[in-house]
Protein backbone atom coordinates (compact mmCIF):
# COMPACT_ATOMS: atom_id res chain seq x y z
CA MET A 1 -7.37 -1.68 22.16
CA GLY A 2 -10.64 -3.45 22.90
CA TRP A 3 -12.22 -2.99 19.47
CA LEU A 4 -9.00 -4.00 17.71
CA ALA A 5 -8.68 -7.21 19.72
CA ASN A 6 -12.28 -8.07 18.88
CA GLU A 7 -11.75 -7.44 15.17
CA MET A 8 -8.52 -9.45 14.98
CA GLY A 9 -9.97 -12.45 16.80
CA ASP A 10 -8.03 -15.29 18.39
CA LEU A 11 -4.36 -15.14 17.42
CA SER A 12 -3.23 -18.20 19.36
CA GLY A 13 -1.64 -20.85 17.21
CA ILE A 14 -1.93 -18.96 13.92
CA VAL A 15 1.66 -19.92 13.00
CA GLY A 16 3.21 -23.38 13.47
CA THR A 17 6.50 -24.04 15.23
CA GLY A 18 8.51 -24.55 12.03
CA SER A 19 10.64 -27.45 10.85
CA LEU A 20 13.43 -28.37 8.43
CA ARG A 21 13.56 -30.64 5.41
CA ARG A 22 16.22 -31.46 2.85
CA ARG A 23 15.96 -29.96 -0.62
CA ASP A 24 18.64 -29.83 -3.31
CA GLY A 25 21.38 -30.55 -0.77
CA ARG A 26 20.38 -27.68 1.55
CA TRP A 27 18.15 -27.30 4.57
CA CYS A 28 14.76 -25.81 3.73
CA ALA A 29 12.69 -24.11 6.46
CA VAL A 30 9.01 -25.05 6.56
CA VAL A 31 6.41 -23.00 8.45
CA ARG A 32 2.65 -23.53 8.43
CA VAL A 33 0.21 -20.61 8.75
CA LYS A 34 -3.41 -21.03 9.83
CA THR A 35 -6.14 -19.58 7.60
CA THR A 36 -9.92 -19.66 7.83
CA ARG A 37 -12.30 -20.18 4.91
CA ASP A 38 -16.06 -20.32 5.34
CA GLY A 39 -15.59 -20.93 9.04
CA GLU A 40 -13.24 -23.89 8.46
CA THR A 41 -9.59 -23.88 9.43
CA ALA A 42 -6.88 -24.78 6.94
CA TRP A 43 -3.10 -24.60 7.00
CA VAL A 44 -0.93 -23.03 4.29
CA GLN A 45 2.66 -24.24 4.10
CA ARG A 46 5.47 -21.78 3.39
CA THR A 47 9.03 -22.73 2.58
CA ARG A 48 12.34 -20.86 2.48
CA ASP A 49 15.80 -22.05 1.43
CA THR A 50 18.20 -21.45 4.34
CA ARG A 51 21.15 -21.87 1.92
CA ILE A 52 22.81 -24.01 4.60
CA PRO A 53 24.17 -27.34 3.26
CA CYS A 54 22.59 -30.50 4.64
CA GLY A 55 24.58 -32.62 7.01
CA VAL A 56 23.76 -34.87 9.92
CA VAL A 57 20.74 -33.97 12.03
CA GLY A 58 22.08 -32.33 15.18
CA ASP A 59 25.38 -31.04 13.75
CA GLU A 60 26.37 -27.36 13.71
CA ALA A 61 24.92 -26.76 10.23
CA TYR A 62 21.61 -28.25 11.33
CA LYS A 63 21.55 -26.06 14.45
CA ARG A 64 22.23 -22.94 12.37
CA ALA A 65 19.47 -23.90 9.96
CA LEU A 66 17.10 -24.53 12.88
CA ALA A 67 17.90 -21.09 14.30
CA GLU A 68 17.26 -19.52 10.87
CA CYS A 69 13.93 -21.34 10.68
CA ALA A 70 12.94 -20.07 14.14
CA ARG A 71 13.89 -16.50 13.21
CA TRP A 72 11.85 -16.69 9.99
CA ARG A 73 8.92 -18.21 11.86
CA ASP A 74 8.95 -15.27 14.29
CA GLU A 75 9.01 -12.84 11.34
CA ILE A 76 5.96 -14.54 9.86
CA LEU A 77 4.13 -14.38 13.19
CA VAL A 78 4.81 -10.66 13.59
CA SER A 79 3.83 -10.07 9.95
CA GLU A 80 0.54 -11.97 10.38
CA VAL A 81 -0.41 -10.11 13.55
CA LEU A 82 0.48 -6.71 12.07
CA ALA A 83 -1.41 -7.53 8.86
CA ARG A 84 -4.55 -8.42 10.77
CA ALA A 85 -4.27 -5.27 12.85
CA GLN A 86 -3.70 -3.16 9.72
CA ALA A 87 -6.67 -4.78 7.96
CA ALA A 88 -8.92 -4.04 10.93
CA CYS A 89 -7.73 -0.40 10.99
CA ASP A 90 -8.21 -0.05 7.23
CA LEU A 91 -11.77 -1.32 7.44
CA ARG A 92 -12.52 0.93 10.41
CA ASP A 93 -11.04 3.99 8.66
CA ALA A 94 -12.99 3.29 5.48
CA SER A 95 -16.18 2.89 7.49
CA ALA A 96 -15.51 6.15 9.35
CA ARG A 97 -15.16 7.95 6.01
CA GLY A 98 -18.55 6.61 5.04
CA THR A 99 -17.20 4.66 2.07
CA ASP A 100 -19.37 1.57 2.29
CA ALA A 101 -18.23 0.29 -1.12
CA ALA A 102 -14.59 0.59 -0.10
CA THR A 103 -15.27 -1.28 3.11
CA ALA A 104 -16.83 -4.12 1.17
CA TRP A 105 -13.97 -4.40 -1.31
CA LEU A 106 -11.27 -4.27 1.37
CA ALA A 107 -12.96 -7.22 3.02
CA ALA A 108 -13.07 -9.21 -0.24
CA GLY A 109 -10.74 -12.14 -0.86
CA PHE A 110 -8.16 -12.13 -3.64
CA ASP A 111 -10.32 -14.03 -6.15
CA GLU A 112 -13.29 -11.70 -5.73
CA TYR A 113 -11.19 -8.55 -5.86
CA ALA A 114 -9.15 -9.70 -8.86
CA GLU A 115 -12.35 -10.55 -10.74
CA HIS A 116 -13.71 -7.10 -9.89
CA TYR A 117 -10.50 -5.43 -11.12
CA LEU A 118 -10.49 -7.37 -14.40
CA ASP A 119 -14.18 -6.60 -14.90
CA VAL A 120 -13.37 -2.89 -14.56
CA LEU A 121 -10.65 -3.26 -17.20
CA ARG A 122 -13.14 -5.01 -19.50
CA THR A 123 -16.02 -2.55 -19.11
CA THR A 124 -13.76 0.50 -19.49
CA GLY A 125 -11.85 -0.96 -22.45
CA ALA A 126 -8.58 -0.22 -20.65
CA VAL A 127 -6.87 -3.24 -22.22
CA SER A 128 -7.39 -5.34 -25.32
CA PRO A 129 -9.46 -8.55 -25.14
CA GLU A 130 -6.29 -10.56 -25.78
CA THR A 131 -4.48 -8.87 -22.89
CA LEU A 132 -7.50 -9.35 -20.66
CA ARG A 133 -7.55 -13.09 -21.43
CA GLY A 134 -3.89 -13.25 -20.46
CA TYR A 135 -4.59 -11.43 -17.20
CA LYS A 136 -7.43 -13.83 -16.39
CA GLY A 137 -5.14 -16.79 -16.96
CA GLU A 138 -2.44 -15.34 -14.74
CA ALA A 139 -4.83 -14.26 -11.98
CA PHE A 140 -6.95 -17.38 -11.70
CA HIS A 141 -4.72 -20.18 -13.01
CA MET A 142 -1.32 -19.25 -11.61
CA ILE A 143 -1.73 -16.68 -8.84
CA SER A 144 -5.02 -17.49 -7.12
CA PRO A 145 -4.19 -21.06 -5.95
CA ARG A 146 -1.07 -19.69 -4.24
CA MET A 147 -2.64 -16.71 -2.46
CA PRO A 148 -3.78 -17.01 1.18
CA ASP A 149 -7.46 -17.12 2.03
CA LYS A 150 -7.74 -13.76 3.74
CA PRO A 151 -9.19 -10.30 2.95
CA ILE A 152 -7.32 -8.12 0.47
CA ALA A 153 -6.54 -5.72 3.32
CA ALA A 154 -4.82 -8.49 5.30
CA ILE A 155 -2.51 -9.79 2.55
CA THR A 156 1.12 -9.11 3.39
CA THR A 157 4.35 -8.60 1.48
CA GLU A 158 5.39 -12.01 2.81
CA ASP A 159 2.31 -13.51 1.12
CA ILE A 160 3.27 -11.92 -2.20
CA GLU A 161 6.87 -13.12 -1.93
CA SER A 162 5.68 -16.62 -1.02
CA THR A 163 3.47 -16.64 -4.12
CA VAL A 164 6.39 -15.56 -6.31
CA SER A 165 8.61 -18.29 -4.82
CA SER A 166 5.90 -20.90 -5.38
CA LEU A 167 5.56 -19.90 -9.04
CA LEU A 168 9.30 -20.23 -9.59
CA GLU A 169 9.40 -23.58 -7.79
CA ALA A 170 6.55 -24.79 -10.02
CA GLY A 171 8.80 -24.22 -13.04
CA TYR A 172 7.27 -21.08 -14.54
CA SER A 173 9.74 -18.91 -16.46
CA THR A 174 11.03 -15.67 -14.98
CA GLY A 175 9.23 -13.80 -17.76
CA THR A 176 5.89 -15.38 -16.84
CA VAL A 177 6.45 -14.76 -13.13
CA LYS A 178 7.31 -11.13 -13.88
CA LYS A 179 3.93 -10.74 -15.59
CA CYS A 180 2.25 -12.14 -12.48
CA VAL A 181 4.15 -9.72 -10.23
CA ASN A 182 3.16 -6.81 -12.46
CA LEU A 183 -0.50 -7.87 -12.39
CA LEU A 184 -0.44 -8.20 -8.61
CA GLY A 185 1.06 -4.72 -8.39
CA ALA A 186 -1.74 -3.30 -10.57
CA ILE A 187 -4.45 -5.05 -8.55
CA PHE A 188 -3.19 -3.74 -5.22
CA LYS A 189 -2.49 -0.30 -6.66
CA ARG A 190 -6.22 -0.03 -7.36
CA ALA A 191 -6.98 -1.20 -3.82
CA VAL A 192 -4.85 1.69 -2.53
CA MET A 193 -5.97 4.41 -4.94
CA VAL A 194 -9.67 3.54 -5.18
CA ASP A 195 -10.70 1.44 -2.21
CA GLY A 196 -8.79 2.95 0.68
CA LEU A 197 -6.05 0.37 1.35
CA LEU A 198 -3.30 2.21 3.21
CA ARG A 199 -0.35 0.34 1.69
CA SER A 200 0.19 -2.11 -1.15
CA PRO A 201 1.83 -5.38 -0.06
CA CYS A 202 3.60 -5.36 -3.43
CA GLU A 203 5.75 -2.40 -2.41
CA GLY A 204 9.37 -3.51 -2.36
CA VAL A 205 8.68 -6.81 -4.16
CA ARG A 206 10.90 -7.08 -7.23
CA PRO A 207 10.21 -9.50 -10.07
CA PRO A 208 12.79 -12.25 -10.63
CA ALA A 209 15.78 -11.40 -12.77
CA PRO A 210 15.75 -12.90 -16.27
CA THR A 211 17.51 -16.25 -16.56
CA PRO A 212 20.71 -15.84 -18.62
CA ARG A 213 20.56 -17.56 -21.97
CA ARG A 214 22.97 -20.42 -22.44
CA SER A 215 25.46 -19.98 -25.22
CA CYS A 216 25.12 -22.45 -28.08
CA ARG A 217 28.72 -21.90 -29.18
CA PRO A 218 30.75 -25.15 -29.05
CA ARG A 219 33.58 -25.28 -26.55
CA GLY A 220 36.90 -24.28 -27.95
CA SER A 221 35.42 -22.34 -30.88
CA ALA A 222 36.77 -18.89 -31.63
């Protein structure tokens, strides 16, 4: 495991301890994950609704929410470690196959890879200019600021789900978020089929269900 440990680097302190905060009358779990960009460390905050009603700090509901936060934090830690190990294996496998281009693209960040994917769509005429403009807006205006700063090969399903949650919390409609999920699926599908990624992190991620339309019929009408 020597080469793998060297590739993954120092894993100490990559995930914070976790905490709780009140949101909409329920306890919300907050966990920070360490990322590195251009040699500088930054922290990305993730949140999850525990669905446990807020009460007094220290009561039974609080303790249950704290336990839920700790469990989720452990899931994130395992996911981060496995993702880094998988990314290192993907890069090593691609290199062993002699696919230098694939190795380079698997090591690219989301912005670079998304731009590459959209450029392929443009040069091959796979989509209309109008559709391409829409994709660019979704990729770089809505999705990119919410994606972690890590190689494409290291992005996890948890990262995708966190991005979807962030979009919904920002007030985007379920229809718009669905388009983002579909675009993410297409981007990572190419990474699997063309560039040697072993598994798409979008597998198992479902777009949000449409919000039911409110009836405009007055109360008491037939």
